[in-house]
Amino acid sequence: MTAYFEGTLRHFTMPIDLHGTPFQLRVWNALRAIPYGETRTYSEIAEIIGNRRAIRAVGAANGANPVPILIPCHRVIGKDGSWGGYAGGLDMKKALLKREGACAGGVE
């Protein structure tokens, strides 16, 4: 985590033993594929996992993420560019995205 916060680690490769529903696991795996410094929308994640109508369920899976940052749910934003939610609070989400050079809602 220190390397991540220092900006020298951009992708976690350690194995993570995740426990969740099959749907949650699909969402979390899709989140792990979002590159550092980029964002995806809830609807894009729903499309990626093959269930484009499951936008709210994607948000719920994000909220149930057991290892934020390792599974970068902070990189998921609203279709309109809004921040969406984050279990660690929106200030933390904004700080993480800013650290990574990503922005949302026109705010850097």
PDB file of N, CA and C in Angstrom:
ATOM      1  N   MET A   1       0.826  -1.189   0.000  1.00  0.00           N
ATOM      2  CA  MET A   1       0.000   0.000   0.000  1.00  0.00           C
ATOM      3  C   MET A   1       0.873   1.257   0.000  1.00  0.00           C
ATOM      4  N   THR A   2       2.006   1.179   0.679  1.00  0.00           N
ATOM      5  CA  THR A   2       2.901   2.337   0.704  1.00  0.00           C
ATOM      6  C   THR A   2       3.323   2.705  -0.708  1.00  0.00           C
ATOM      7  N   ALA A   3       3.688   1.710  -1.508  1.00  0.00           N
ATOM      8  CA  ALA A   3       4.116   1.967  -2.888  1.00  0.00           C
ATOM      9  C   ALA A   3       2.980   2.588  -3.699  1.00  0.00           C
ATOM     10  N   TYR A   4       1.756   2.149  -3.476  1.00  0.00           N
ATOM     11  CA  TYR A   4       0.610   2.745  -4.172  1.00  0.00           C
ATOM     12  C   TYR A   4       0.495   4.226  -3.810  1.00  0.00           C
ATOM     13  N   PHE A   5       0.522   4.523  -2.518  1.00  0.00           N
ATOM     14  CA  PHE A   5       0.354   5.912  -2.086  1.00  0.00           C
ATOM     15  C   PHE A   5       1.552   6.791  -2.427  1.00  0.00           C
ATOM     16  N   GLU A   6       2.709   6.184  -2.649  1.00  0.00           N
ATOM     17  CA  GLU A   6       3.866   6.945  -3.115  1.00  0.00           C
ATOM     18  C   GLU A   6       3.835   7.151  -4.631  1.00  0.00           C
ATOM     19  N   GLY A   7       2.922   6.448  -5.311  1.00  0.00           N
ATOM     20  CA  GLY A   7       2.785   6.584  -6.761  1.00  0.00           C
ATOM     21  C   GLY A   7       3.692   5.681  -7.563  1.00  0.00           C
ATOM     22  N   THR A   8       4.355   4.736  -6.898  1.00  0.00           N
ATOM     23  CA  THR A   8       5.254   3.830  -7.631  1.00  0.00           C
ATOM     24  C   THR A   8       4.592   2.511  -7.999  1.00  0.00           C
ATOM     25  N   LEU A   9       3.441   2.210  -7.447  1.00  0.00           N
ATOM     26  CA  LEU A   9       2.699   0.988  -7.777  1.00  0.00           C
ATOM     27  C   LEU A   9       1.361   1.391  -8.372  1.00  0.00           C
ATOM     28  N   ARG A  10       1.103   0.910  -9.573  1.00  0.00           N
ATOM     29  CA  ARG A  10      -0.134   1.278 -10.255  1.00  0.00           C
ATOM     30  C   ARG A  10      -1.091   0.116 -10.439  1.00  0.00           C
ATOM     31  N   HIS A  11      -0.611  -1.103 -10.257  1.00  0.00           N
ATOM     32  CA  HIS A  11      -1.461  -2.280 -10.441  1.00  0.00           C
ATOM     33  C   HIS A  11      -1.066  -3.347  -9.428  1.00  0.00           C
ATOM     34  N   PHE A  12      -2.011  -3.769  -8.628  1.00  0.00           N
ATOM     35  CA  PHE A  12      -1.761  -4.821  -7.644  1.00  0.00           C
ATOM     36  C   PHE A  12      -1.847  -6.180  -8.325  1.00  0.00           C
ATOM     37  N   THR A  13      -0.837  -6.991  -8.160  1.00  0.00           N
ATOM     38  CA  THR A  13      -0.816  -8.310  -8.796  1.00  0.00           C
ATOM     39  C   THR A  13      -0.924  -9.440  -7.782  1.00  0.00           C
ATOM     40  N   MET A  14      -0.969  -9.115  -6.519  1.00  0.00           N
ATOM     41  CA  MET A  14      -1.052 -10.161  -5.498  1.00  0.00           C
ATOM     42  C   MET A  14      -2.372 -10.918  -5.620  1.00  0.00           C
ATOM     43  N   PRO A  15      -2.347 -12.206  -5.345  1.00  0.00           N
ATOM     44  CA  PRO A  15      -3.613 -12.948  -5.375  1.00  0.00           C
ATOM     45  C   PRO A  15      -4.504 -12.510  -4.216  1.00  0.00           C
ATOM     46  N   ILE A  16      -5.789 -12.443  -4.495  1.00  0.00           N
ATOM     47  CA  ILE A  16      -6.766 -12.066  -3.475  1.00  0.00           C
ATOM     48  C   ILE A  16      -7.801 -13.178  -3.406  1.00  0.00           C
ATOM     49  N   ASP A  17      -8.007 -13.730  -2.225  1.00  0.00           N
ATOM     50  CA  ASP A  17      -8.992 -14.792  -2.020  1.00  0.00           C
ATOM     51  C   ASP A  17     -10.337 -14.144  -1.703  1.00  0.00           C
ATOM     52  N   LEU A  18     -11.106 -13.883  -2.759  1.00  0.00           N
ATOM     53  CA  LEU A  18     -12.375 -13.171  -2.603  1.00  0.00           C
ATOM     54  C   LEU A  18     -13.522 -14.130  -2.342  1.00  0.00           C
ATOM     55  N   HIS A  19     -14.421 -13.703  -1.508  1.00  0.00           N
ATOM     56  CA  HIS A  19     -15.640 -14.454  -1.223  1.00  0.00           C
ATOM     57  C   HIS A  19     -16.818 -13.527  -1.450  1.00  0.00           C
ATOM     58  N   GLY A  20     -17.680 -13.905  -2.373  1.00  0.00           N
ATOM     59  CA  GLY A  20     -18.870 -13.123  -2.690  1.00  0.00           C
ATOM     60  C   GLY A  20     -19.763 -13.944  -3.592  1.00  0.00           C
ATOM     61  N   THR A  21     -20.847 -13.352  -4.011  1.00  0.00           N
ATOM     62  CA  THR A  21     -21.741 -14.039  -4.941  1.00  0.00           C
ATOM     63  C   THR A  21     -21.051 -14.109  -6.308  1.00  0.00           C
ATOM     64  N   PRO A  22     -21.514 -14.996  -7.180  1.00  0.00           N
ATOM     65  CA  PRO A  22     -20.946 -15.027  -8.530  1.00  0.00           C
ATOM     66  C   PRO A  22     -21.036 -13.665  -9.222  1.00  0.00           C
ATOM     67  N   PHE A  23     -22.126 -12.948  -9.016  1.00  0.00           N
ATOM     68  CA  PHE A  23     -22.276 -11.619  -9.614  1.00  0.00           C
ATOM     69  C   PHE A  23     -21.222 -10.665  -9.061  1.00  0.00           C
ATOM     70  N   GLN A  24     -21.076 -10.624  -7.737  1.00  0.00           N
ATOM     71  CA  GLN A  24     -20.079  -9.746  -7.133  1.00  0.00           C
ATOM     72  C   GLN A  24     -18.680 -10.063  -7.652  1.00  0.00           C
ATOM     73  N   LEU A  25     -18.347 -11.332  -7.768  1.00  0.00           N
ATOM     74  CA  LEU A  25     -17.024 -11.719  -8.254  1.00  0.00           C
ATOM     75  C   LEU A  25     -16.790 -11.240  -9.683  1.00  0.00           C
ATOM     76  N   ARG A  26     -17.828 -11.304 -10.526  1.00  0.00           N
ATOM     77  CA  ARG A  26     -17.691 -10.791 -11.896  1.00  0.00           C
ATOM     78  C   ARG A  26     -17.441  -9.283 -11.885  1.00  0.00           C
ATOM     79  N   VAL A  27     -18.188  -8.577 -11.056  1.00  0.00           N
ATOM     80  CA  VAL A  27     -18.002  -7.124 -10.957  1.00  0.00           C
ATOM     81  C   VAL A  27     -16.601  -6.815 -10.450  1.00  0.00           C
ATOM     82  N   TRP A  28     -16.198  -7.452  -9.369  1.00  0.00           N
ATOM     83  CA  TRP A  28     -14.886  -7.155  -8.784  1.00  0.00           C
ATOM     84  C   TRP A  28     -13.753  -7.461  -9.759  1.00  0.00           C
ATOM     85  N   ASN A  29     -13.895  -8.533 -10.534  1.00  0.00           N
ATOM     86  CA  ASN A  29     -12.871  -8.832 -11.542  1.00  0.00           C
ATOM     87  C   ASN A  29     -12.846  -7.764 -12.628  1.00  0.00           C
ATOM     88  N   ALA A  30     -14.008  -7.254 -13.003  1.00  0.00           N
ATOM     89  CA  ALA A  30     -14.058  -6.170 -13.994  1.00  0.00           C
ATOM     90  C   ALA A  30     -13.404  -4.907 -13.438  1.00  0.00           C
ATOM     91  N   LEU A  31     -13.590  -4.640 -12.161  1.00  0.00           N
ATOM     92  CA  LEU A  31     -12.981  -3.464 -11.541  1.00  0.00           C
ATOM     93  C   LEU A  31     -11.463  -3.578 -11.535  1.00  0.00           C
ATOM     94  N   ARG A  32     -10.964  -4.765 -11.302  1.00  0.00           N
ATOM     95  CA  ARG A  32      -9.508  -4.962 -11.278  1.00  0.00           C
ATOM     96  C   ARG A  32      -8.876  -4.692 -12.636  1.00  0.00           C
ATOM     97  N   ALA A  33      -9.674  -4.733 -13.690  1.00  0.00           N
ATOM     98  CA  ALA A  33      -9.155  -4.499 -15.040  1.00  0.00           C
ATOM     99  C   ALA A  33      -9.145  -3.017 -15.426  1.00  0.00           C
ATOM    100  N   ILE A  34      -9.717  -2.149 -14.592  1.00  0.00           N
ATOM    101  CA  ILE A  34      -9.712  -0.711 -14.902  1.00  0.00           C
ATOM    102  C   ILE A  34      -8.293  -0.190 -14.662  1.00  0.00           C
ATOM    103  N   PRO A  35      -7.661   0.346 -15.676  1.00  0.00           N
ATOM    104  CA  PRO A  35      -6.283   0.823 -15.504  1.00  0.00           C
ATOM    105  C   PRO A  35      -6.174   2.007 -14.536  1.00  0.00           C
ATOM    106  N   TYR A  36      -5.052   2.086 -13.899  1.00  0.00           N
ATOM    107  CA  TYR A  36      -4.693   3.201 -13.031  1.00  0.00           C
ATOM    108  C   TYR A  36      -4.880   4.507 -13.803  1.00  0.00           C
ATOM    109  N   GLY A  37      -5.511   5.476 -13.164  1.00  0.00           N
ATOM    110  CA  GLY A  37      -5.700   6.777 -13.794  1.00  0.00           C
ATOM    111  C   GLY A  37      -6.878   6.859 -14.735  1.00  0.00           C
ATOM    112  N   GLU A  38      -7.648   5.780 -14.847  1.00  0.00           N
ATOM    113  CA  GLU A  38      -8.832   5.784 -15.711  1.00  0.00           C
ATOM    114  C   GLU A  38     -10.066   5.486 -14.879  1.00  0.00           C
ATOM    115  N   THR A  39     -11.206   5.821 -15.430  1.00  0.00           N
ATOM    116  CA  THR A  39     -12.477   5.511 -14.788  1.00  0.00           C
ATOM    117  C   THR A  39     -13.371   4.774 -15.774  1.00  0.00           C
ATOM    118  N   ARG A  40     -14.366   4.113 -15.223  1.00  0.00           N
ATOM    119  CA  ARG A  40     -15.432   3.496 -16.001  1.00  0.00           C
ATOM    120  C   ARG A  40     -16.741   3.868 -15.316  1.00  0.00           C
ATOM    121  N   THR A  41     -17.811   3.821 -16.069  1.00  0.00           N
ATOM    122  CA  THR A  41     -19.117   4.105 -15.474  1.00  0.00           C
ATOM    123  C   THR A  41     -19.741   2.811 -14.971  1.00  0.00           C
ATOM    124  N   TYR A  42     -20.726   2.980 -14.101  1.00  0.00           N
ATOM    125  CA  TYR A  42     -21.464   1.818 -13.609  1.00  0.00           C
ATOM    126  C   TYR A  42     -22.073   1.055 -14.780  1.00  0.00           C
ATOM    127  N   SER A  43     -22.603   1.780 -15.774  1.00  0.00           N
ATOM    128  CA  SER A  43     -23.211   1.114 -16.929  1.00  0.00           C
ATOM    129  C   SER A  43     -22.162   0.402 -17.775  1.00  0.00           C
ATOM    130  N   GLU A  44     -20.962   0.955 -17.877  1.00  0.00           N
ATOM    131  CA  GLU A  44     -19.897   0.268 -18.617  1.00  0.00           C
ATOM    132  C   GLU A  44     -19.513  -1.041 -17.929  1.00  0.00           C
ATOM    133  N   ILE A  45     -19.444  -1.028 -16.610  1.00  0.00           N
ATOM    134  CA  ILE A  45     -19.125  -2.261 -15.883  1.00  0.00           C
ATOM    135  C   ILE A  45     -20.238  -3.285 -16.086  1.00  0.00           C
ATOM    136  N   ALA A  46     -21.484  -2.838 -16.031  1.00  0.00           N
ATOM    137  CA  ALA A  46     -22.609  -3.754 -16.275  1.00  0.00           C
ATOM    138  C   ALA A  46     -22.496  -4.380 -17.665  1.00  0.00           C
ATOM    139  N   GLU A  47     -22.136  -3.584 -18.649  1.00  0.00           N
ATOM    140  CA  GLU A  47     -21.959  -4.077 -20.021  1.00  0.00           C
ATOM    141  C   GLU A  47     -20.808  -5.077 -20.085  1.00  0.00           C
ATOM    142  N   ILE A  48     -19.702  -4.758 -19.444  1.00  0.00           N
ATOM    143  CA  ILE A  48     -18.520  -5.629 -19.452  1.00  0.00           C
ATOM    144  C   ILE A  48     -18.836  -7.005 -18.880  1.00  0.00           C
ATOM    145  N   ILE A  49     -19.647  -7.043 -17.825  1.00  0.00           N
ATOM    146  CA  ILE A  49     -19.949  -8.343 -17.212  1.00  0.00           C
ATOM    147  C   ILE A  49     -21.112  -9.056 -17.896  1.00  0.00           C
ATOM    148  N   GLY A  50     -21.637  -8.446 -18.949  1.00  0.00           N
ATOM    149  CA  GLY A  50     -22.672  -9.108 -19.734  1.00  0.00           C
ATOM    150  C   GLY A  50     -24.082  -8.950 -19.219  1.00  0.00           C
ATOM    151  N   ASN A  51     -24.321  -7.938 -18.410  1.00  0.00           N
ATOM    152  CA  ASN A  51     -25.658  -7.714 -17.869  1.00  0.00           C
ATOM    153  C   ASN A  51     -25.916  -6.216 -17.835  1.00  0.00           C
ATOM    154  N   ARG A  52     -26.128  -5.632 -19.004  1.00  0.00           N
ATOM    155  CA  ARG A  52     -26.161  -4.181 -19.125  1.00  0.00           C
ATOM    156  C   ARG A  52     -27.289  -3.488 -18.360  1.00  0.00           C
ATOM    157  N   ARG A  53     -28.255  -4.258 -17.889  1.00  0.00           N
ATOM    158  CA  ARG A  53     -29.348  -3.659 -17.112  1.00  0.00           C
ATOM    159  C   ARG A  53     -29.077  -3.674 -15.607  1.00  0.00           C
ATOM    160  N   ALA A  54     -27.943  -4.208 -15.208  1.00  0.00           N
ATOM    161  CA  ALA A  54     -27.640  -4.397 -13.788  1.00  0.00           C
ATOM    162  C   ALA A  54     -26.834  -3.239 -13.200  1.00  0.00           C
ATOM    163  N   ILE A  55     -27.130  -2.038 -13.621  1.00  0.00           N
ATOM    164  CA  ILE A  55     -26.350  -0.877 -13.194  1.00  0.00           C
ATOM    165  C   ILE A  55     -26.403  -0.685 -11.678  1.00  0.00           C
ATOM    166  N   ARG A  56     -27.578  -0.750 -11.101  1.00  0.00           N
ATOM    167  CA  ARG A  56     -27.704  -0.585  -9.645  1.00  0.00           C
ATOM    168  C   ARG A  56     -27.040  -1.731  -8.895  1.00  0.00           C
ATOM    169  N   ALA A  57     -27.131  -2.933  -9.447  1.00  0.00           N
ATOM    170  CA  ALA A  57     -26.492  -4.089  -8.818  1.00  0.00           C
ATOM    171  C   ALA A  57     -24.971  -3.952  -8.857  1.00  0.00           C
ATOM    172  N   VAL A  58     -24.448  -3.342  -9.915  1.00  0.00           N
ATOM    173  CA  VAL A  58     -23.015  -3.054  -9.970  1.00  0.00           C
ATOM    174  C   VAL A  58     -22.643  -2.106  -8.835  1.00  0.00           C
ATOM    175  N   GLY A  59     -23.466  -1.087  -8.606  1.00  0.00           N
ATOM    176  CA  GLY A  59     -23.223  -0.171  -7.495  1.00  0.00           C
ATOM    177  C   GLY A  59     -23.249  -0.890  -6.148  1.00  0.00           C
ATOM    178  N   ALA A  60     -24.187  -1.813  -5.988  1.00  0.00           N
ATOM    179  CA  ALA A  60     -24.265  -2.575  -4.738  1.00  0.00           C
ATOM    180  C   ALA A  60     -23.032  -3.461  -4.560  1.00  0.00           C
ATOM    181  N   ALA A  61     -22.570  -4.076  -5.644  1.00  0.00           N
ATOM    182  CA  ALA A  61     -21.361  -4.903  -5.568  1.00  0.00           C
ATOM    183  C   ALA A  61     -20.154  -4.041  -5.214  1.00  0.00           C
ATOM    184  N   ASN A  62     -20.094  -2.836  -5.774  1.00  0.00           N
ATOM    185  CA  ASN A  62     -19.016  -1.910  -5.409  1.00  0.00           C
ATOM    186  C   ASN A  62     -19.046  -1.640  -3.912  1.00  0.00           C
ATOM    187  N   GLY A  63     -20.238  -1.386  -3.391  1.00  0.00           N
ATOM    188  CA  GLY A  63     -20.385  -1.096  -1.968  1.00  0.00           C
ATOM    189  C   GLY A  63     -20.016  -2.265  -1.075  1.00  0.00           C
ATOM    190  N   ALA A  64     -20.096  -3.485  -1.603  1.00  0.00           N
ATOM    191  CA  ALA A  64     -19.756  -4.685  -0.835  1.00  0.00           C
ATOM    192  C   ALA A  64     -18.295  -5.107  -1.027  1.00  0.00           C
ATOM    193  N   ASN A  65     -17.542  -4.318  -1.777  1.00  0.00           N
ATOM    194  CA  ASN A  65     -16.141  -4.624  -2.055  1.00  0.00           C
ATOM    195  C   ASN A  65     -15.372  -4.779  -0.739  1.00  0.00           C
ATOM    196  N   PRO A  66     -14.793  -5.966  -0.489  1.00  0.00           N
ATOM    197  CA  PRO A  66     -14.114  -6.187   0.789  1.00  0.00           C
ATOM    198  C   PRO A  66     -12.706  -5.584   0.868  1.00  0.00           C
ATOM    199  N   VAL A  67     -12.122  -5.228  -0.267  1.00  0.00           N
ATOM    200  CA  VAL A  67     -10.752  -4.703  -0.260  1.00  0.00           C
ATOM    201  C   VAL A  67     -10.617  -3.506  -1.202  1.00  0.00           C
ATOM    202  N   PRO A  68     -11.216  -2.363  -0.815  1.00  0.00           N
ATOM    203  CA  PRO A  68     -11.072  -1.165  -1.633  1.00  0.00           C
ATOM    204  C   PRO A  68      -9.599  -0.851  -1.884  1.00  0.00           C
ATOM    205  N   ILE A  69      -9.319  -0.192  -2.931  1.00  0.00           N
ATOM    206  CA  ILE A  69      -8.006   0.145  -3.482  1.00  0.00           C
ATOM    207  C   ILE A  69      -7.423  -1.071  -4.189  1.00  0.00           C
ATOM    208  N   LEU A  70      -7.344  -2.235  -3.530  1.00  0.00           N
ATOM    209  CA  LEU A  70      -6.878  -3.430  -4.230  1.00  0.00           C
ATOM    210  C   LEU A  70      -7.839  -3.785  -5.359  1.00  0.00           C
ATOM    211  N   ILE A  71      -9.123  -3.675  -5.071  1.00  0.00           N
ATOM    212  CA  ILE A  71     -10.160  -3.762  -6.101  1.00  0.00           C
ATOM    213  C   ILE A  71     -10.663  -2.333  -6.230  1.00  0.00           C
ATOM    214  N   PRO A  72     -10.238  -1.634  -7.282  1.00  0.00           N
ATOM    215  CA  PRO A  72     -10.403  -0.175  -7.342  1.00  0.00           C
ATOM    216  C   PRO A  72     -11.817   0.311  -7.672  1.00  0.00           C
ATOM    217  N   CYS A  73     -12.727   0.103  -6.741  1.00  0.00           N
ATOM    218  CA  CYS A  73     -14.094   0.556  -6.944  1.00  0.00           C
ATOM    219  C   CYS A  73     -14.184   2.080  -6.987  1.00  0.00           C
ATOM    220  N   HIS A  74     -13.161   2.765  -6.497  1.00  0.00           N
ATOM    221  CA  HIS A  74     -13.154   4.227  -6.569  1.00  0.00           C
ATOM    222  C   HIS A  74     -13.064   4.717  -8.011  1.00  0.00           C
ATOM    223  N   ARG A  75     -12.703   3.854  -8.941  1.00  0.00           N
ATOM    224  CA  ARG A  75     -12.576   4.231 -10.355  1.00  0.00           C
ATOM    225  C   ARG A  75     -13.895   4.158 -11.113  1.00  0.00           C
ATOM    226  N   VAL A  76     -14.987   3.868 -10.417  1.00  0.00           N
ATOM    227  CA  VAL A  76     -16.295   3.772 -11.070  1.00  0.00           C
ATOM    228  C   VAL A  76     -17.088   5.035 -10.753  1.00  0.00           C
ATOM    229  N   ILE A  77     -17.600   5.670 -11.816  1.00  0.00           N
ATOM    230  CA  ILE A  77     -18.325   6.933 -11.691  1.00  0.00           C
ATOM    231  C   ILE A  77     -19.673   6.830 -12.393  1.00  0.00           C
ATOM    232  N   GLY A  78     -20.486   7.841 -12.215  1.00  0.00           N
ATOM    233  CA  GLY A  78     -21.785   7.889 -12.876  1.00  0.00           C
ATOM    234  C   GLY A  78     -21.655   8.174 -14.366  1.00  0.00           C
ATOM    235  N   LYS A  79     -22.641   7.753 -15.115  1.00  0.00           N
ATOM    236  CA  LYS A  79     -22.661   7.959 -16.568  1.00  0.00           C
ATOM    237  C   LYS A  79     -22.587   9.436 -16.928  1.00  0.00           C
ATOM    238  N   ASP A  80     -23.150  10.287 -16.070  1.00  0.00           N
ATOM    239  CA  ASP A  80     -23.150  11.730 -16.321  1.00  0.00           C
ATOM    240  C   ASP A  80     -21.872  12.409 -15.832  1.00  0.00           C
ATOM    241  N   GLY A  81     -20.893  11.607 -15.401  1.00  0.00           N
ATOM    242  CA  GLY A  81     -19.637  12.149 -14.915  1.00  0.00           C
ATOM    243  C   GLY A  81     -19.643  12.469 -13.426  1.00  0.00           C
ATOM    244  N   SER A  82     -20.768  12.206 -12.756  1.00  0.00           N
ATOM    245  CA  SER A  82     -20.832  12.460 -11.315  1.00  0.00           C
ATOM    246  C   SER A  82     -19.968  11.444 -10.571  1.00  0.00           C
ATOM    247  N   TRP A  83     -19.662  11.755  -9.337  1.00  0.00           N
ATOM    248  CA  TRP A  83     -18.763  10.926  -8.547  1.00  0.00           C
ATOM    249  C   TRP A  83     -19.355   9.572  -8.183  1.00  0.00           C
ATOM    250  N   GLY A  84     -20.662   9.471  -8.047  1.00  0.00           N
ATOM    251  CA  GLY A  84     -21.253   8.227  -7.552  1.00  0.00           C
ATOM    252  C   GLY A  84     -21.002   8.132  -6.059  1.00  0.00           C
ATOM    253  N   GLY A  85     -20.956   6.938  -5.540  1.00  0.00           N
ATOM    254  CA  GLY A  85     -20.735   6.753  -4.113  1.00  0.00           C
ATOM    255  C   GLY A  85     -19.396   6.094  -3.840  1.00  0.00           C
ATOM    256  N   TYR A  86     -19.062   6.003  -2.566  1.00  0.00           N
ATOM    257  CA  TYR A  86     -17.843   5.319  -2.146  1.00  0.00           C
ATOM    258  C   TYR A  86     -17.957   5.049  -0.654  1.00  0.00           C
ATOM    259  N   ALA A  87     -17.709   3.809  -0.266  1.00  0.00           N
ATOM    260  CA  ALA A  87     -17.847   3.427   1.141  1.00  0.00           C
ATOM    261  C   ALA A  87     -16.916   4.223   2.047  1.00  0.00           C
ATOM    262  N   GLY A  88     -15.770   4.635   1.525  1.00  0.00           N
ATOM    263  CA  GLY A  88     -14.825   5.417   2.310  1.00  0.00           C
ATOM    264  C   GLY A  88     -15.149   6.904   2.326  1.00  0.00           C
ATOM    265  N   GLY A  89     -16.236   7.280   1.681  1.00  0.00           N
ATOM    266  CA  GLY A  89     -16.638   8.686   1.604  1.00  0.00           C
ATOM    267  C   GLY A  89     -16.170   9.328   0.308  1.00  0.00           C
ATOM    268  N   LEU A  90     -16.933  10.301  -0.155  1.00  0.00           N
ATOM    269  CA  LEU A  90     -16.612  10.947  -1.431  1.00  0.00           C
ATOM    270  C   LEU A  90     -15.299  11.720  -1.396  1.00  0.00           C
ATOM    271  N   ASP A  91     -14.944  12.277  -0.258  1.00  0.00           N
ATOM    272  CA  ASP A  91     -13.665  12.982  -0.180  1.00  0.00           C
ATOM    273  C   ASP A  91     -12.510  12.015  -0.451  1.00  0.00           C
ATOM    274  N   MET A  92     -12.607  10.807   0.093  1.00  0.00           N
ATOM    275  CA  MET A  92     -11.566   9.801  -0.136  1.00  0.00           C
ATOM    276  C   MET A  92     -11.550   9.377  -1.603  1.00  0.00           C
ATOM    277  N   LYS A  93     -12.734   9.168  -2.193  1.00  0.00           N
ATOM    278  CA  LYS A  93     -12.808   8.778  -3.601  1.00  0.00           C
ATOM    279  C   LYS A  93     -12.161   9.848  -4.479  1.00  0.00           C
ATOM    280  N   LYS A  94     -12.505  11.098  -4.228  1.00  0.00           N
ATOM    281  CA  LYS A  94     -11.934  12.205  -4.998  1.00  0.00           C
ATOM    282  C   LYS A  94     -10.420  12.252  -4.832  1.00  0.00           C
ATOM    283  N   ALA A  95      -9.936  12.045  -3.611  1.00  0.00           N
ATOM    284  CA  ALA A  95      -8.494  12.082  -3.354  1.00  0.00           C
ATOM    285  C   ALA A  95      -7.781  10.952  -4.091  1.00  0.00           C
ATOM    286  N   LEU A  96      -8.380   9.761  -4.094  1.00  0.00           N
ATOM    287  CA  LEU A  96      -7.764   8.621  -4.793  1.00  0.00           C
ATOM    288  C   LEU A  96      -7.714   8.872  -6.298  1.00  0.00           C
ATOM    289  N   LEU A  97      -8.818   9.368  -6.855  1.00  0.00           N
ATOM    290  CA  LEU A  97      -8.846   9.644  -8.294  1.00  0.00           C
ATOM    291  C   LEU A  97      -7.874  10.764  -8.658  1.00  0.00           C
ATOM    292  N   LYS A  98      -7.786  11.761  -7.814  1.00  0.00           N
ATOM    293  CA  LYS A  98      -6.845  12.847  -8.064  1.00  0.00           C
ATOM    294  C   LYS A  98      -5.412  12.326  -8.011  1.00  0.00           C
ATOM    295  N   ARG A  99      -5.114  11.488  -7.039  1.00  0.00           N
ATOM    296  CA  ARG A  99      -3.784  10.892  -6.909  1.00  0.00           C
ATOM    297  C   ARG A  99      -3.408  10.125  -8.174  1.00  0.00           C
ATOM    298  N   GLU A 100      -4.401   9.473  -8.763  1.00  0.00           N
ATOM    299  CA  GLU A 100      -4.159   8.670  -9.963  1.00  0.00           C
ATOM    300  C   GLU A 100      -4.205   9.495 -11.254  1.00  0.00           C
ATOM    301  N   GLY A 101      -4.556  10.764 -11.133  1.00  0.00           N
ATOM    302  CA  GLY A 101      -4.626  11.602 -12.319  1.00  0.00           C
ATOM    303  C   GLY A 101      -5.927  11.477 -13.081  1.00  0.00           C
ATOM    304  N   ALA A 102      -6.934  10.882 -12.465  1.00  0.00           N
ATOM    305  CA  ALA A 102      -8.255  10.746 -13.082  1.00  0.00           C
ATOM    306  C   ALA A 102      -9.141  11.849 -12.516  1.00  0.00           C
ATOM    307  N   CYS A 103     -10.205  12.155 -13.225  1.00  0.00           N
ATOM    308  CA  CYS A 103     -11.152  13.138 -12.709  1.00  0.00           C
ATOM    309  C   CYS A 103     -12.554  12.681 -13.057  1.00  0.00           C
ATOM    310  N   ALA A 104     -13.523  13.288 -12.405  1.00  0.00           N
ATOM    311  CA  ALA A 104     -14.936  12.971 -12.660  1.00  0.00           C
ATOM    312  C   ALA A 104     -15.729  14.249 -12.468  1.00  0.00           C
ATOM    313  N   GLY A 105     -16.840  14.331 -13.128  1.00  0.00           N
ATOM    314  CA  GLY A 105     -17.720  15.472 -12.954  1.00  0.00           C
ATOM    315  C   GLY A 105     -17.071  16.794 -13.330  1.00  0.00           C
ATOM    316  N   GLY A 106     -16.042  16.727 -14.168  1.00  0.00           N
ATOM    317  CA  GLY A 106     -15.359  17.938 -14.573  1.00  0.00           C
ATOM    318  C   GLY A 106     -14.461  18.522 -13.498  1.00  0.00           C
ATOM    319  N   VAL A 107     -14.311  17.797 -12.386  1.00  0.00           N
ATOM    320  CA  VAL A 107     -13.474  18.269 -11.285  1.00  0.00           C
ATOM    321  C   VAL A 107     -12.178  17.491 -11.296  1.00  0.00           C
ATOM    322  N   GLU A 108     -11.081  18.194 -11.164  1.00  0.00           N
ATOM    323  CA  GLU A 108      -9.779  17.515 -11.131  1.00  0.00           C
ATOM    324  C   GLU A 108      -9.217  17.516  -9.733  1.00  0.00           C
TER     325      GLU A 108
END
